[in-house]
């Protein structure tokens, strides 16, 4: 017995929950559901999962529509050759995308981030800011490596600040 809702049911259920998804997006959601359908979930649970997917697709559609209405701006200085994330609504309802530049470092993750936000029909850019994280206890070599990466990040931040 197939308990997966079909694409038309997903589109209808999404609309009832104030989400708009295309038939193609509904098929994509259904495909993701089929990966977990045999794990003992009920039809109601699978439909609930589908509605989470529909909400995501709906928000992605809104972000894409907003991005289509604004003039693109240049790549941030120092991020040439990099591709930003797709536009998406963040948890605060802003439509944003991120540019990430990673600095190689075995002791932890160091990355520079520039944020673009669609505000009042235009793109507003903030940053760059440095994000640093480490998952390990650091020995002397790890600390030296992290200091080297932070020094590189500070130098790049200074260069990028001058390029503004």
Foldseek 3Di string as FASTA:
>chain_A
DDLQDQLVVLQVVLVVVVFHDDSVLSVVLSVVLVVCVPVPDGSVVSSVSSNVSRVQRRQLVVLVVLVVQEDDDDDQPPQPPWDKDRWGQDPVRWTKIKRWDWDDFPFWTKIWIKMWTQDPRYTDIDDGDIDIDGDDDDDPVSVVRVVVSVVVVVVVRVVSVVVD
